[in-house]
Amino acid sequence: MDDLPVIELVEAMPGFPGDRRFALVRLDDDGILHGLRSLDRDDLEFVVVPPAPFYPRLRP
């Protein structure tokens, strides 16, 4: 994962006090599913998706 950009959180997410460094990794070929993978431990990854495919009328 050395070539992935690192996302460093200023404060840890509730319930995960030791995890502040994450990498966003692609999980599918369509680019919809991603994993927010902890770089501080091997057993933590959150599945994240962009809202647009599910809520097309949503505007930022």
Protein backbone atom coordinates (compact mmCIF):
# COMPACT_ATOMS: atom_id res chain seq x y z
CA MET A 1 0.00 0.00 0.00
CA ASP A 2 2.99 2.28 -0.28
CA ASP A 3 1.68 3.87 -3.50
CA LEU A 4 -1.75 4.79 -2.07
CA PRO A 5 -2.39 8.24 -0.65
CA VAL A 6 -2.73 8.19 3.12
CA ILE A 7 -5.70 9.86 4.80
CA GLU A 8 -4.76 11.00 8.29
CA LEU A 9 -7.63 11.88 10.60
CA VAL A 10 -7.15 14.70 13.11
CA GLU A 11 -9.34 12.81 15.57
CA ALA A 12 -10.08 9.11 15.60
CA MET A 13 -13.55 7.87 14.69
CA PRO A 14 -15.73 7.00 17.70
CA GLY A 15 -15.06 3.43 18.77
CA PHE A 16 -11.72 3.23 16.98
CA PRO A 17 -9.34 5.34 19.11
CA GLY A 18 -6.10 3.89 17.77
CA ASP A 19 -6.89 4.23 14.07
CA ARG A 20 -6.11 7.54 12.42
CA ARG A 21 -4.31 6.56 9.22
CA PHE A 22 -6.33 5.09 6.35
CA ALA A 23 -5.98 4.38 2.64
CA LEU A 24 -8.86 4.46 0.17
CA VAL A 25 -8.66 1.34 -2.01
CA ARG A 26 -10.85 0.35 -4.95
CA LEU A 27 -12.83 -2.85 -4.42
CA ASP A 28 -14.59 -3.23 -7.77
CA ASP A 29 -13.97 -2.51 -11.44
CA ASP A 30 -16.84 0.00 -11.66
CA GLY A 31 -15.30 2.34 -9.08
CA ILE A 32 -18.36 2.31 -6.86
CA LEU A 33 -17.15 0.18 -3.96
CA HIS A 34 -14.12 1.34 -2.03
CA GLY A 35 -12.52 0.27 1.20
CA LEU A 36 -11.30 2.73 3.80
CA ARG A 37 -8.54 0.51 5.10
CA SER A 38 -6.76 1.18 8.37
CA LEU A 39 -3.01 1.48 8.11
CA ASP A 40 -2.66 1.19 11.87
CA ARG A 41 -3.95 -2.41 12.06
CA ASP A 42 -4.67 -5.21 9.60
CA ASP A 43 -8.19 -6.17 10.67
CA LEU A 44 -10.11 -2.91 10.10
CA GLU A 45 -11.68 -1.78 6.83
CA PHE A 46 -14.89 0.13 6.13
CA VAL A 47 -16.78 -0.21 2.86
CA VAL A 48 -17.55 3.23 1.42
CA VAL A 49 -19.45 4.29 -1.68
CA PRO A 50 -20.08 7.62 -3.43
CA PRO A 51 -23.69 8.77 -2.97
CA ALA A 52 -24.36 9.71 -6.64
CA PRO A 53 -25.08 6.18 -8.00
CA PHE A 54 -27.69 5.68 -5.28
CA TYR A 55 -29.02 9.25 -5.00
CA PRO A 56 -28.63 10.83 -8.48
CA ARG A 57 -30.51 14.01 -7.55
CA LEU A 58 -28.23 14.72 -4.60
CA ARG A 59 -26.11 17.81 -5.17
CA PRO A 60 -23.10 18.79 -3.02
